[in-house]
Amino acid sequence: MAHMAQNQASRKKGKKVTIENFYGGSTQGKEENEEEIQKNSEHASQNGNYQQALEDLKLELIQKMETFWKEKWEKEISCLTDKTAQLEKELEASNRRADKAEKQNQCLMTRIKHLEESEMIKQQESIKQTQIIKELEENIKYLTEKVTDLENRGRRENLRIIGLPEKPEVNNKLDIILQEIIKENCPHVLEQGGKIEIERIHRTPSILNPQKTTPRNVIAKFKSFQVKEKILQEAKKKSFRYKGAPIRITHDLAANTLRDRKAWNTIFRKARELGLQPRINYPAKLTIYFQGKVWAFNKIEDFQAFAKKRPELCGKFDIQAQKARET
């Protein structure tokens, strides 16, 4: 083995290997072999140190890498922990806001419910009030009509004289002047003794308005309803006069009845122009004679609906158009 190692060393150095060298035939060859062996031993020892140093370097590198990654991951974990804590705080704050919003929502829902209930109660109360008001209006209408009727019945013995001159000598003896009017226009109505019993007679209104140029009406109350009706019928047949001046004698009716009768004026005039023989009956009913029949109407709307259905009358009783033409 020693000879083989020696030969290999000789080859590396480029020396020629001889038999003497191979078998150690000379002292110089032996010395060289020993030196070679010592160098190889030192070289081997150095190789071992290198490997040990390499292993140490590997261990040191591994430790440094472990330390580096450990520190890095600790930082990352610490950062993630901080972020997690922050997220938890934000989540907690969000939950608190959500709870607060939920409480507010519940409070609003409760208030809305109370308002709806209150509104429903108000609507029910409004319906009740409307019904009560409707009943009261019907009652008022009924009572007004009843009072008007009673007032008209209380005036059934009265006559209203329109157009009698407003003079002191006339106002001071109205009862005598009425007797003269009856004698002049319908003497056959006079009772025995040539007079009519009059309960009272006066001007209306009681106070003269100086701004009005027309004379005040005269109201006469007769003791006999029959005598009053006879005079009224005569006044419907012809125009009454007093000392040659025309006067009118009509029913003495309540203000509401007079207003309702006045509402028929436009239709009344047009019906008279068309030859329908209109009449205003008590209390404020219009009657006409049309196509061989007598037709009665309590309301203007009823008459207008009647006229629209008759070609002969349709369009001839447009109150608004007539008023516009008159204006």
C-alpha atoms as a PDB file:
ATOM      1  CA  MET A   1       0.000   0.000   0.000  1.00  0.00           C
ATOM      2  CA  ALA A   2       2.810   2.404   0.817  1.00  0.00           C
ATOM      3  CA  HIS A   3       4.420   1.651  -2.472  1.00  0.00           C
ATOM      4  CA  MET A   4       1.169   2.365  -4.316  1.00  0.00           C
ATOM      5  CA  ALA A   5       0.731   5.719  -2.558  1.00  0.00           C
ATOM      6  CA  GLN A   6       4.286   6.637  -3.350  1.00  0.00           C
ATOM      7  CA  ASN A   7       3.888   5.781  -6.985  1.00  0.00           C
ATOM      8  CA  GLN A   8       0.689   7.857  -7.200  1.00  0.00           C
ATOM      9  CA  ALA A   9       2.531  10.850  -5.637  1.00  0.00           C
ATOM     10  CA  SER A  10       5.380  10.442  -8.109  1.00  0.00           C
ATOM     11  CA  ARG A  11       2.946  10.475 -10.985  1.00  0.00           C
ATOM     12  CA  LYS A  12       1.350  13.685  -9.697  1.00  0.00           C
ATOM     13  CA  LYS A  13       4.721  15.375  -9.529  1.00  0.00           C
ATOM     14  CA  GLY A  14       5.594  14.199 -13.003  1.00  0.00           C
ATOM     15  CA  LYS A  15       8.543  12.103 -11.928  1.00  0.00           C
ATOM     16  CA  LYS A  16       9.419   8.891 -13.646  1.00  0.00           C
ATOM     17  CA  VAL A  17       8.601   5.838 -11.580  1.00  0.00           C
ATOM     18  CA  THR A  18      11.329   3.196 -11.640  1.00  0.00           C
ATOM     19  CA  ILE A  19      11.605  -0.202 -10.075  1.00  0.00           C
ATOM     20  CA  GLU A  20      14.030   1.154  -7.536  1.00  0.00           C
ATOM     21  CA  ASN A  21      11.730   3.971  -6.642  1.00  0.00           C
ATOM     22  CA  PHE A  22       8.799   1.659  -6.473  1.00  0.00           C
ATOM     23  CA  TYR A  23      10.420  -0.828  -4.145  1.00  0.00           C
ATOM     24  CA  GLY A  24      12.375   1.790  -2.174  1.00  0.00           C
ATOM     25  CA  GLY A  25      15.724   0.819  -3.452  1.00  0.00           C
ATOM     26  CA  SER A  26      17.399   4.171  -2.388  1.00  0.00           C
ATOM     27  CA  THR A  27      17.401   6.393   0.679  1.00  0.00           C
ATOM     28  CA  GLN A  28      16.508   9.490  -1.262  1.00  0.00           C
ATOM     29  CA  GLY A  29      13.382   7.786  -2.457  1.00  0.00           C
ATOM     30  CA  LYS A  30      12.423   6.886   1.072  1.00  0.00           C
ATOM     31  CA  GLU A  31      12.851  10.453   2.321  1.00  0.00           C
ATOM     32  CA  GLU A  32      10.806  11.799  -0.473  1.00  0.00           C
ATOM     33  CA  ASN A  33       8.135   9.299   0.315  1.00  0.00           C
ATOM     34  CA  GLU A  34       8.052  10.297   3.943  1.00  0.00           C
ATOM     35  CA  GLU A  35       7.808  13.984   3.080  1.00  0.00           C
ATOM     36  CA  GLU A  36       5.015  13.224   0.725  1.00  0.00           C
ATOM     37  CA  ILE A  37       3.238  11.256   3.357  1.00  0.00           C
ATOM     38  CA  GLN A  38       3.573  14.089   5.884  1.00  0.00           C
ATOM     39  CA  LYS A  39       2.236  16.645   3.394  1.00  0.00           C
ATOM     40  CA  ASN A  40      -0.681  14.425   2.644  1.00  0.00           C
ATOM     41  CA  SER A  41      -1.375  14.103   6.366  1.00  0.00           C
ATOM     42  CA  GLU A  42      -1.271  17.877   6.810  1.00  0.00           C
ATOM     43  CA  HIS A  43      -3.456  18.292   3.785  1.00  0.00           C
ATOM     44  CA  ALA A  44      -5.943  15.814   5.143  1.00  0.00           C
ATOM     45  CA  SER A  45      -5.873  17.622   8.461  1.00  0.00           C
ATOM     46  CA  GLN A  46      -6.597  20.918   6.698  1.00  0.00           C
ATOM     47  CA  ASN A  47      -9.437  19.321   4.767  1.00  0.00           C
ATOM     48  CA  GLY A  48     -10.940  18.164   8.037  1.00  0.00           C
ATOM     49  CA  ASN A  49     -10.671  21.681   9.466  1.00  0.00           C
ATOM     50  CA  TYR A  50     -12.361  23.066   6.370  1.00  0.00           C
ATOM     51  CA  GLN A  51     -15.246  20.690   6.720  1.00  0.00           C
ATOM     52  CA  GLN A  52     -15.602  21.549  10.385  1.00  0.00           C
ATOM     53  CA  ALA A  53     -15.516  25.252   9.548  1.00  0.00           C
ATOM     54  CA  LEU A  54     -18.105  24.669   6.844  1.00  0.00           C
ATOM     55  CA  GLU A  55     -20.327  22.833   9.263  1.00  0.00           C
ATOM     56  CA  ASP A  56     -19.923  25.638  11.802  1.00  0.00           C
ATOM     57  CA  LEU A  57     -20.716  28.193   9.127  1.00  0.00           C
ATOM     58  CA  LYS A  58     -23.819  26.258   8.162  1.00  0.00           C
ATOM     59  CA  LEU A  59     -24.952  26.118  11.773  1.00  0.00           C
ATOM     60  CA  GLU A  60     -24.267  29.827  12.247  1.00  0.00           C
ATOM     61  CA  LEU A  61     -26.134  30.617   9.027  1.00  0.00           C
ATOM     62  CA  ILE A  62     -29.053  28.448  10.082  1.00  0.00           C
ATOM     63  CA  GLN A  63     -29.164  30.144  13.487  1.00  0.00           C
ATOM     64  CA  LYS A  64     -29.051  33.591  11.909  1.00  0.00           C
ATOM     65  CA  MET A  65     -31.790  32.624   9.465  1.00  0.00           C
ATOM     66  CA  GLU A  66     -33.895  31.252  12.278  1.00  0.00           C
ATOM     67  CA  THR A  67     -33.306  34.397  14.307  1.00  0.00           C
ATOM     68  CA  PHE A  68     -34.141  36.599  11.302  1.00  0.00           C
ATOM     69  CA  TRP A  69     -37.357  34.795  10.449  1.00  0.00           C
ATOM     70  CA  LYS A  70     -38.298  34.508  14.071  1.00  0.00           C
ATOM     71  CA  GLU A  71     -37.969  38.267  14.544  1.00  0.00           C
ATOM     72  CA  LYS A  72     -39.750  38.964  11.264  1.00  0.00           C
ATOM     73  CA  TRP A  73     -42.652  36.651  12.058  1.00  0.00           C
ATOM     74  CA  GLU A  74     -42.848  38.044  15.577  1.00  0.00           C
ATOM     75  CA  LYS A  75     -43.197  41.542  14.063  1.00  0.00           C
ATOM     76  CA  GLU A  76     -45.782  40.285  11.578  1.00  0.00           C
ATOM     77  CA  ILE A  77     -47.687  38.499  14.313  1.00  0.00           C
ATOM     78  CA  SER A  78     -47.480  41.589  16.529  1.00  0.00           C
ATOM     79  CA  CYS A  79     -48.758  43.750  13.650  1.00  0.00           C
ATOM     80  CA  LEU A  80     -51.565  41.299  12.905  1.00  0.00           C
ATOM     81  CA  THR A  81     -52.408  41.196  16.613  1.00  0.00           C
ATOM     82  CA  ASP A  82     -52.612  44.990  16.702  1.00  0.00           C
ATOM     83  CA  LYS A  83     -54.757  45.027  13.578  1.00  0.00           C
ATOM     84  CA  THR A  84     -56.985  42.326  15.023  1.00  0.00           C
ATOM     85  CA  ALA A  85     -57.382  44.328  18.223  1.00  0.00           C
ATOM     86  CA  GLN A  86     -58.208  47.453  16.192  1.00  0.00           C
ATOM     87  CA  LEU A  87     -60.741  45.522  14.125  1.00  0.00           C
ATOM     88  CA  GLU A  88     -62.277  44.149  17.286  1.00  0.00           C
ATOM     89  CA  LYS A  89     -62.569  47.674  18.682  1.00  0.00           C
ATOM     90  CA  GLU A  90     -64.120  48.916  15.418  1.00  0.00           C
ATOM     91  CA  LEU A  91     -66.478  45.935  15.386  1.00  0.00           C
ATOM     92  CA  GLU A  92     -67.450  46.656  18.969  1.00  0.00           C
ATOM     93  CA  ALA A  93     -68.044  50.339  18.116  1.00  0.00           C
ATOM     94  CA  SER A  94     -70.042  49.279  15.052  1.00  0.00           C
ATOM     95  CA  ASN A  95     -72.114  46.943  17.194  1.00  0.00           C
ATOM     96  CA  ARG A  96     -72.767  49.762  19.639  1.00  0.00           C
ATOM     97  CA  ARG A  97     -73.859  52.027  16.783  1.00  0.00           C
ATOM     98  CA  ALA A  98     -76.034  49.252  15.411  1.00  0.00           C
ATOM     99  CA  ASP A  99     -77.618  48.760  18.835  1.00  0.00           C
ATOM    100  CA  LYS A 100     -78.188  52.506  19.146  1.00  0.00           C
ATOM    101  CA  ALA A 101     -79.689  52.638  15.635  1.00  0.00           C
ATOM    102  CA  GLU A 102     -81.898  49.659  16.465  1.00  0.00           C
ATOM    103  CA  LYS A 103     -83.129  51.386  19.629  1.00  0.00           C
ATOM    104  CA  GLN A 104     -83.800  54.567  17.664  1.00  0.00           C
ATOM    105  CA  ASN A 105     -85.589  52.539  15.011  1.00  0.00           C
ATOM    106  CA  GLN A 106     -87.737  50.857  17.648  1.00  0.00           C
ATOM    107  CA  CYS A 107     -88.459  54.254  19.195  1.00  0.00           C
ATOM    108  CA  LEU A 108     -89.465  55.644  15.789  1.00  0.00           C
ATOM    109  CA  MET A 109     -91.620  52.607  15.053  1.00  0.00           C
ATOM    110  CA  THR A 110     -93.345  53.070  18.396  1.00  0.00           C
ATOM    111  CA  ARG A 111     -93.946  56.752  17.674  1.00  0.00           C
ATOM    112  CA  ILE A 112     -95.235  55.934  14.173  1.00  0.00           C
ATOM    113  CA  LYS A 113     -97.573  53.350  15.646  1.00  0.00           C
ATOM    114  CA  HIS A 114     -98.854  55.871  18.187  1.00  0.00           C
ATOM    115  CA  LEU A 115     -99.295  58.475  15.432  1.00  0.00           C
ATOM    116  CA  GLU A 116    -101.159  55.988  13.252  1.00  0.00           C
ATOM    117  CA  GLU A 117    -103.411  55.070  16.143  1.00  0.00           C
ATOM    118  CA  SER A 118    -103.925  58.753  16.909  1.00  0.00           C
ATOM    119  CA  GLU A 119    -104.648  59.476  13.243  1.00  0.00           C
ATOM    120  CA  MET A 120    -107.119  56.606  13.116  1.00  0.00           C
ATOM    121  CA  ILE A 121    -108.847  57.952  16.222  1.00  0.00           C
ATOM    122  CA  LYS A 122    -108.928  61.427  14.664  1.00  0.00           C
ATOM    123  CA  GLN A 123    -110.414  60.021  11.457  1.00  0.00           C
ATOM    124  CA  GLN A 124    -113.080  58.193  13.424  1.00  0.00           C
ATOM    125  CA  GLU A 125    -113.783  61.344  15.398  1.00  0.00           C
ATOM    126  CA  SER A 126    -113.884  63.314  12.146  1.00  0.00           C
ATOM    127  CA  ILE A 127    -116.406  60.866  10.682  1.00  0.00           C
ATOM    128  CA  LYS A 128    -118.518  61.159  13.812  1.00  0.00           C
ATOM    129  CA  GLN A 129    -118.258  64.949  13.753  1.00  0.00           C
ATOM    130  CA  THR A 130    -119.195  64.975  10.058  1.00  0.00           C
ATOM    131  CA  GLN A 131    -122.231  62.856  10.783  1.00  0.00           C
ATOM    132  CA  ILE A 132    -123.169  65.084  13.706  1.00  0.00           C
ATOM    133  CA  ILE A 133    -122.690  68.213  11.569  1.00  0.00           C
ATOM    134  CA  LYS A 134    -124.790  66.671   8.791  1.00  0.00           C
ATOM    135  CA  GLU A 135    -127.550  65.852  11.258  1.00  0.00           C
ATOM    136  CA  LEU A 136    -127.323  69.354  12.725  1.00  0.00           C
ATOM    137  CA  GLU A 137    -127.501  70.895   9.242  1.00  0.00           C
ATOM    138  CA  GLU A 138    -130.554  68.790   8.450  1.00  0.00           C
ATOM    139  CA  ASN A 139    -132.112  69.792  11.755  1.00  0.00           C
ATOM    140  CA  ILE A 140    -131.283  73.460  11.134  1.00  0.00           C
ATOM    141  CA  LYS A 141    -132.764  73.227   7.642  1.00  0.00           C
ATOM    142  CA  TYR A 142    -135.887  71.572   9.003  1.00  0.00           C
ATOM    143  CA  LEU A 143    -136.215  74.106  11.835  1.00  0.00           C
ATOM    144  CA  THR A 144    -135.575  77.015   9.445  1.00  0.00           C
ATOM    145  CA  GLU A 145    -138.281  75.757   7.109  1.00  0.00           C
ATOM    146  CA  LYS A 146    -140.560  75.215  10.087  1.00  0.00           C
ATOM    147  CA  VAL A 147    -139.954  78.723  11.433  1.00  0.00           C
ATOM    148  CA  THR A 148    -140.393  80.198   7.946  1.00  0.00           C
ATOM    149  CA  ASP A 149    -143.648  78.303   7.535  1.00  0.00           C
ATOM    150  CA  LEU A 150    -144.867  79.491  10.962  1.00  0.00           C
ATOM    151  CA  GLU A 151    -143.869  83.047  10.079  1.00  0.00           C
ATOM    152  CA  ASN A 152    -145.749  82.828   6.795  1.00  0.00           C
ATOM    153  CA  ARG A 153    -148.776  81.401   8.560  1.00  0.00           C
ATOM    154  CA  GLY A 154    -148.598  84.251  11.052  1.00  0.00           C
ATOM    155  CA  ARG A 155    -148.744  86.645   8.078  1.00  0.00           C
ATOM    156  CA  ARG A 156    -151.593  84.890   6.287  1.00  0.00           C
ATOM    157  CA  GLU A 157    -153.995  87.794   7.008  1.00  0.00           C
ATOM    158  CA  ASN A 158    -151.424  90.373   5.785  1.00  0.00           C
ATOM    159  CA  LEU A 159    -151.092  92.181   2.466  1.00  0.00           C
ATOM    160  CA  ARG A 160    -148.043  94.090   1.236  1.00  0.00           C
ATOM    161  CA  ILE A 161    -148.678  97.324  -0.649  1.00  0.00           C
ATOM    162  CA  ILE A 162    -145.786  98.411  -2.880  1.00  0.00           C
ATOM    163  CA  GLY A 163    -145.372 101.844  -4.480  1.00  0.00           C
ATOM    164  CA  LEU A 164    -147.512 103.954  -2.145  1.00  0.00           C
ATOM    165  CA  PRO A 165    -145.937 107.456  -2.074  1.00  0.00           C
ATOM    166  CA  GLU A 166    -143.734 108.322   0.893  1.00  0.00           C
ATOM    167  CA  LYS A 167    -145.475 111.478   2.154  1.00  0.00           C
ATOM    168  CA  PRO A 168    -146.345 112.662   5.683  1.00  0.00           C
ATOM    169  CA  GLU A 169    -150.025 113.110   4.796  1.00  0.00           C
ATOM    170  CA  VAL A 170    -150.064 109.532   3.530  1.00  0.00           C
ATOM    171  CA  ASN A 171    -148.139 107.996   6.415  1.00  0.00           C
ATOM    172  CA  ASN A 172    -150.390 109.615   9.020  1.00  0.00           C
ATOM    173  CA  LYS A 173    -153.591 108.007   7.681  1.00  0.00           C
ATOM    174  CA  LEU A 174    -152.588 104.729   6.059  1.00  0.00           C
ATOM    175  CA  ASP A 175    -155.794 102.977   7.208  1.00  0.00           C
ATOM    176  CA  ILE A 176    -157.995 105.558   5.476  1.00  0.00           C
ATOM    177  CA  ILE A 177    -155.885 105.423   2.309  1.00  0.00           C
ATOM    178  CA  LEU A 178    -156.213 101.599   2.185  1.00  0.00           C
ATOM    179  CA  GLN A 179    -160.014 101.950   2.362  1.00  0.00           C
ATOM    180  CA  GLU A 180    -159.822 104.409  -0.546  1.00  0.00           C
ATOM    181  CA  ILE A 181    -157.645 101.991  -2.571  1.00  0.00           C
ATOM    182  CA  ILE A 182    -160.184  99.195  -2.065  1.00  0.00           C
ATOM    183  CA  LYS A 183    -163.111 101.464  -3.023  1.00  0.00           C
ATOM    184  CA  GLU A 184    -161.247 102.591  -6.150  1.00  0.00           C
ATOM    185  CA  ASN A 185    -160.135  99.143  -7.399  1.00  0.00           C
ATOM    186  CA  CYS A 186    -162.522  96.519  -5.948  1.00  0.00           C
ATOM    187  CA  PRO A 187    -165.549  98.132  -4.286  1.00  0.00           C
ATOM    188  CA  HIS A 188    -167.572  94.869  -4.292  1.00  0.00           C
ATOM    189  CA  VAL A 189    -165.231  93.493  -1.646  1.00  0.00           C
ATOM    190  CA  LEU A 190    -166.289  96.100   0.887  1.00  0.00           C
ATOM    191  CA  GLU A 191    -168.370  94.806   3.765  1.00  0.00           C
ATOM    192  CA  GLN A 192    -171.578  96.282   5.039  1.00  0.00           C
ATOM    193  CA  GLY A 193    -171.088  99.880   5.927  1.00  0.00           C
ATOM    194  CA  GLY A 194    -168.623 100.356   3.074  1.00  0.00           C
ATOM    195  CA  LYS A 195    -165.523  99.537   5.168  1.00  0.00           C
ATOM    196  CA  ILE A 196    -163.005  96.732   5.707  1.00  0.00           C
ATOM    197  CA  GLU A 197    -161.941  95.797   9.221  1.00  0.00           C
ATOM    198  CA  ILE A 198    -158.194  96.342   9.507  1.00  0.00           C
ATOM    199  CA  GLU A 199    -156.350  95.199  12.612  1.00  0.00           C
ATOM    200  CA  ARG A 200    -153.246  97.331  11.976  1.00  0.00           C
ATOM    201  CA  ILE A 201    -151.249  98.936   9.170  1.00  0.00           C
ATOM    202  CA  HIS A 202    -147.688 100.353   9.072  1.00  0.00           C
ATOM    203  CA  ARG A 203    -144.628 101.042   6.954  1.00  0.00           C
ATOM    204  CA  THR A 204    -141.703  98.607   6.829  1.00  0.00           C
ATOM    205  CA  PRO A 205    -138.949  99.026   7.762  1.00  0.00           C
ATOM    206  CA  SER A 206    -140.050 101.333  10.552  1.00  0.00           C
ATOM    207  CA  ILE A 207    -137.103 103.740  10.006  1.00  0.00           C
ATOM    208  CA  LEU A 208    -136.828 105.609   6.708  1.00  0.00           C
ATOM    209  CA  ASN A 209    -133.497 105.308   4.900  1.00  0.00           C
ATOM    210  CA  PRO A 210    -132.799 108.688   3.240  1.00  0.00           C
ATOM    211  CA  GLN A 211    -130.433 107.051   0.719  1.00  0.00           C
ATOM    212  CA  LYS A 212    -133.312 105.064  -0.834  1.00  0.00           C
ATOM    213  CA  THR A 213    -135.493 106.878  -3.365  1.00  0.00           C
ATOM    214  CA  THR A 214    -138.223 104.211  -3.533  1.00  0.00           C
ATOM    215  CA  PRO A 215    -140.990 104.400  -0.930  1.00  0.00           C
ATOM    216  CA  ARG A 216    -141.159 101.843   1.878  1.00  0.00           C
ATOM    217  CA  ASN A 217    -143.680  99.041   1.642  1.00  0.00           C
ATOM    218  CA  VAL A 218    -146.911  99.114   3.631  1.00  0.00           C
ATOM    219  CA  ILE A 219    -148.033  96.069   5.607  1.00  0.00           C
ATOM    220  CA  ALA A 220    -151.756  95.733   6.356  1.00  0.00           C
ATOM    221  CA  LYS A 221    -153.206  93.063   8.666  1.00  0.00           C
ATOM    222  CA  PHE A 222    -156.873  92.262   8.093  1.00  0.00           C
ATOM    223  CA  LYS A 223    -159.169  90.723  10.666  1.00  0.00           C
ATOM    224  CA  SER A 224    -160.670  88.402   8.022  1.00  0.00           C
ATOM    225  CA  PHE A 225    -158.501  86.044   5.965  1.00  0.00           C
ATOM    226  CA  GLN A 226    -161.310  85.666   3.395  1.00  0.00           C
ATOM    227  CA  VAL A 227    -161.481  89.417   2.757  1.00  0.00           C
ATOM    228  CA  LYS A 228    -157.693  89.566   2.346  1.00  0.00           C
ATOM    229  CA  GLU A 229    -157.813  86.707  -0.216  1.00  0.00           C
ATOM    230  CA  LYS A 230    -160.558  88.449  -2.203  1.00  0.00           C
ATOM    231  CA  ILE A 231    -158.485  91.625  -2.460  1.00  0.00           C
ATOM    232  CA  LEU A 232    -155.402  89.588  -3.451  1.00  0.00           C
ATOM    233  CA  GLN A 233    -157.311  87.754  -6.208  1.00  0.00           C
ATOM    234  CA  GLU A 234    -158.538  91.069  -7.605  1.00  0.00           C
ATOM    235  CA  ALA A 235    -154.961  92.402  -7.539  1.00  0.00           C
ATOM    236  CA  LYS A 236    -153.851  89.396  -9.610  1.00  0.00           C
ATOM    237  CA  LYS A 237    -156.515  90.089 -12.234  1.00  0.00           C
ATOM    238  CA  LYS A 238    -155.729  93.774 -12.775  1.00  0.00           C
ATOM    239  CA  SER A 239    -153.275  96.483 -11.798  1.00  0.00           C
ATOM    240  CA  PHE A 240    -154.298  98.536  -8.767  1.00  0.00           C
ATOM    241  CA  ARG A 241    -153.974 102.317  -8.688  1.00  0.00           C
ATOM    242  CA  TYR A 242    -154.096 105.049  -6.081  1.00  0.00           C
ATOM    243  CA  LYS A 243    -155.179 108.410  -7.404  1.00  0.00           C
ATOM    244  CA  GLY A 244    -154.028 107.322 -10.857  1.00  0.00           C
ATOM    245  CA  ALA A 245    -150.554 106.126  -9.727  1.00  0.00           C
ATOM    246  CA  PRO A 246    -149.845 102.382 -10.147  1.00  0.00           C
ATOM    247  CA  ILE A 247    -149.317 100.278  -7.010  1.00  0.00           C
ATOM    248  CA  ARG A 248    -148.824  96.563  -6.374  1.00  0.00           C
ATOM    249  CA  ILE A 249    -150.533  94.376  -3.785  1.00  0.00           C
ATOM    250  CA  THR A 250    -148.966  91.026  -2.958  1.00  0.00           C
ATOM    251  CA  HIS A 251    -148.629  88.434  -0.217  1.00  0.00           C
ATOM    252  CA  ASP A 252    -146.746  89.474   2.912  1.00  0.00           C
ATOM    253  CA  LEU A 253    -144.258  86.625   3.240  1.00  0.00           C
ATOM    254  CA  ALA A 254    -141.176  85.850   5.329  1.00  0.00           C
ATOM    255  CA  ALA A 255    -137.786  87.094   4.075  1.00  0.00           C
ATOM    256  CA  ASN A 256    -136.588  83.546   3.250  1.00  0.00           C
ATOM    257  CA  THR A 257    -139.690  82.860   1.185  1.00  0.00           C
ATOM    258  CA  LEU A 258    -139.333  86.168  -0.668  1.00  0.00           C
ATOM    259  CA  ARG A 259    -135.707  85.302  -1.439  1.00  0.00           C
ATOM    260  CA  ASP A 260    -136.690  81.872  -2.779  1.00  0.00           C
ATOM    261  CA  ARG A 261    -139.412  83.419  -4.923  1.00  0.00           C
ATOM    262  CA  LYS A 262    -137.051  86.069  -6.246  1.00  0.00           C
ATOM    263  CA  ALA A 263    -134.701  83.314  -7.476  1.00  0.00           C
ATOM    264  CA  TRP A 264    -137.401  82.348 -10.037  1.00  0.00           C
ATOM    265  CA  ASN A 265    -137.579  85.846 -11.607  1.00  0.00           C
ATOM    266  CA  THR A 266    -135.412  85.148 -14.683  1.00  0.00           C
ATOM    267  CA  ILE A 267    -137.122  81.840 -15.462  1.00  0.00           C
ATOM    268  CA  PHE A 268    -140.535  83.360 -14.722  1.00  0.00           C
ATOM    269  CA  ARG A 269    -140.034  86.194 -17.234  1.00  0.00           C
ATOM    270  CA  LYS A 270    -138.786  83.815 -19.950  1.00  0.00           C
ATOM    271  CA  ALA A 271    -141.658  81.412 -19.341  1.00  0.00           C
ATOM    272  CA  ARG A 272    -144.124  84.282 -19.666  1.00  0.00           C
ATOM    273  CA  GLU A 273    -142.492  85.305 -22.975  1.00  0.00           C
ATOM    274  CA  LEU A 274    -142.956  81.728 -24.245  1.00  0.00           C
ATOM    275  CA  GLY A 275    -146.618  81.700 -23.203  1.00  0.00           C
ATOM    276  CA  LEU A 276    -146.218  78.991 -20.541  1.00  0.00           C
ATOM    277  CA  GLN A 277    -148.551  80.817 -18.097  1.00  0.00           C
ATOM    278  CA  PRO A 278    -146.097  80.716 -15.149  1.00  0.00           C
ATOM    279  CA  ARG A 279    -147.270  81.149 -11.569  1.00  0.00           C
ATOM    280  CA  ILE A 280    -145.466  81.249  -8.220  1.00  0.00           C
ATOM    281  CA  ASN A 281    -147.454  79.271  -5.670  1.00  0.00           C
ATOM    282  CA  TYR A 282    -146.923  79.100  -1.929  1.00  0.00           C
ATOM    283  CA  PRO A 283    -144.315  79.008  -0.626  1.00  0.00           C
ATOM    284  CA  ALA A 284    -141.989  79.303  -3.647  1.00  0.00           C
ATOM    285  CA  LYS A 285    -143.195  76.781  -6.197  1.00  0.00           C
ATOM    286  CA  LEU A 286    -143.173  77.503  -9.944  1.00  0.00           C
ATOM    287  CA  THR A 287    -145.987  76.105 -12.101  1.00  0.00           C
ATOM    288  CA  ILE A 288    -146.190  76.250 -15.919  1.00  0.00           C
ATOM    289  CA  TYR A 289    -148.696  75.073 -18.479  1.00  0.00           C
ATOM    290  CA  PHE A 290    -146.926  72.964 -21.133  1.00  0.00           C
ATOM    291  CA  GLN A 291    -148.322  70.481 -23.696  1.00  0.00           C
ATOM    292  CA  GLY A 292    -151.736  70.471 -22.079  1.00  0.00           C
ATOM    293  CA  LYS A 293    -150.455  69.776 -18.549  1.00  0.00           C
ATOM    294  CA  VAL A 294    -149.614  71.792 -15.455  1.00  0.00           C
ATOM    295  CA  TRP A 295    -146.070  71.139 -14.252  1.00  0.00           C
ATOM    296  CA  ALA A 296    -144.849  72.156 -10.769  1.00  0.00           C
ATOM    297  CA  PHE A 297    -141.221  72.637  -9.647  1.00  0.00           C
ATOM    298  CA  ASN A 298    -139.886  73.230  -6.132  1.00  0.00           C
ATOM    299  CA  LYS A 299    -136.253  73.777  -7.213  1.00  0.00           C
ATOM    300  CA  ILE A 300    -134.589  75.571 -10.119  1.00  0.00           C
ATOM    301  CA  GLU A 301    -132.428  72.495 -10.785  1.00  0.00           C
ATOM    302  CA  ASP A 302    -135.561  70.389 -11.277  1.00  0.00           C
ATOM    303  CA  PHE A 303    -136.948  72.847 -13.829  1.00  0.00           C
ATOM    304  CA  GLN A 304    -133.633  73.034 -15.731  1.00  0.00           C
ATOM    305  CA  ALA A 305    -133.444  69.219 -15.934  1.00  0.00           C
ATOM    306  CA  PHE A 306    -137.040  69.212 -17.224  1.00  0.00           C
ATOM    307  CA  ALA A 307    -136.289  71.878 -19.872  1.00  0.00           C
ATOM    308  CA  LYS A 308    -133.159  70.064 -21.154  1.00  0.00           C
ATOM    309  CA  LYS A 309    -135.223  66.966 -21.952  1.00  0.00           C
ATOM    310  CA  ARG A 310    -137.753  68.957 -24.036  1.00  0.00           C
ATOM    311  CA  PRO A 311    -136.531  70.134 -27.468  1.00  0.00           C
ATOM    312  CA  GLU A 312    -139.012  73.032 -27.380  1.00  0.00           C
ATOM    313  CA  LEU A 313    -137.452  74.372 -24.148  1.00  0.00           C
ATOM    314  CA  CYS A 314    -133.835  73.183 -24.384  1.00  0.00           C
ATOM    315  CA  GLY A 315    -131.339  76.062 -24.287  1.00  0.00           C
ATOM    316  CA  LYS A 316    -133.981  78.729 -23.651  1.00  0.00           C
ATOM    317  CA  PHE A 317    -133.648  78.776 -19.868  1.00  0.00           C
ATOM    318  CA  ASP A 318    -129.883  79.118 -19.473  1.00  0.00           C
ATOM    319  CA  ILE A 319    -129.879  81.425 -16.443  1.00  0.00           C
ATOM    320  CA  GLN A 320    -126.185  82.308 -16.619  1.00  0.00           C
ATOM    321  CA  ALA A 321    -126.343  83.174 -20.319  1.00  0.00           C
ATOM    322  CA  GLN A 322    -129.450  85.319 -19.759  1.00  0.00           C
ATOM    323  CA  LYS A 323    -127.825  87.154 -16.853  1.00  0.00           C
ATOM    324  CA  ALA A 324    -124.726  87.770 -18.998  1.00  0.00           C
ATOM    325  CA  ARG A 325    -126.872  89.215 -21.792  1.00  0.00           C
ATOM    326  CA  GLU A 326    -128.747  91.407 -19.304  1.00  0.00           C
ATOM    327  CA  THR A 327    -125.459  92.648 -17.882  1.00  0.00           C
END
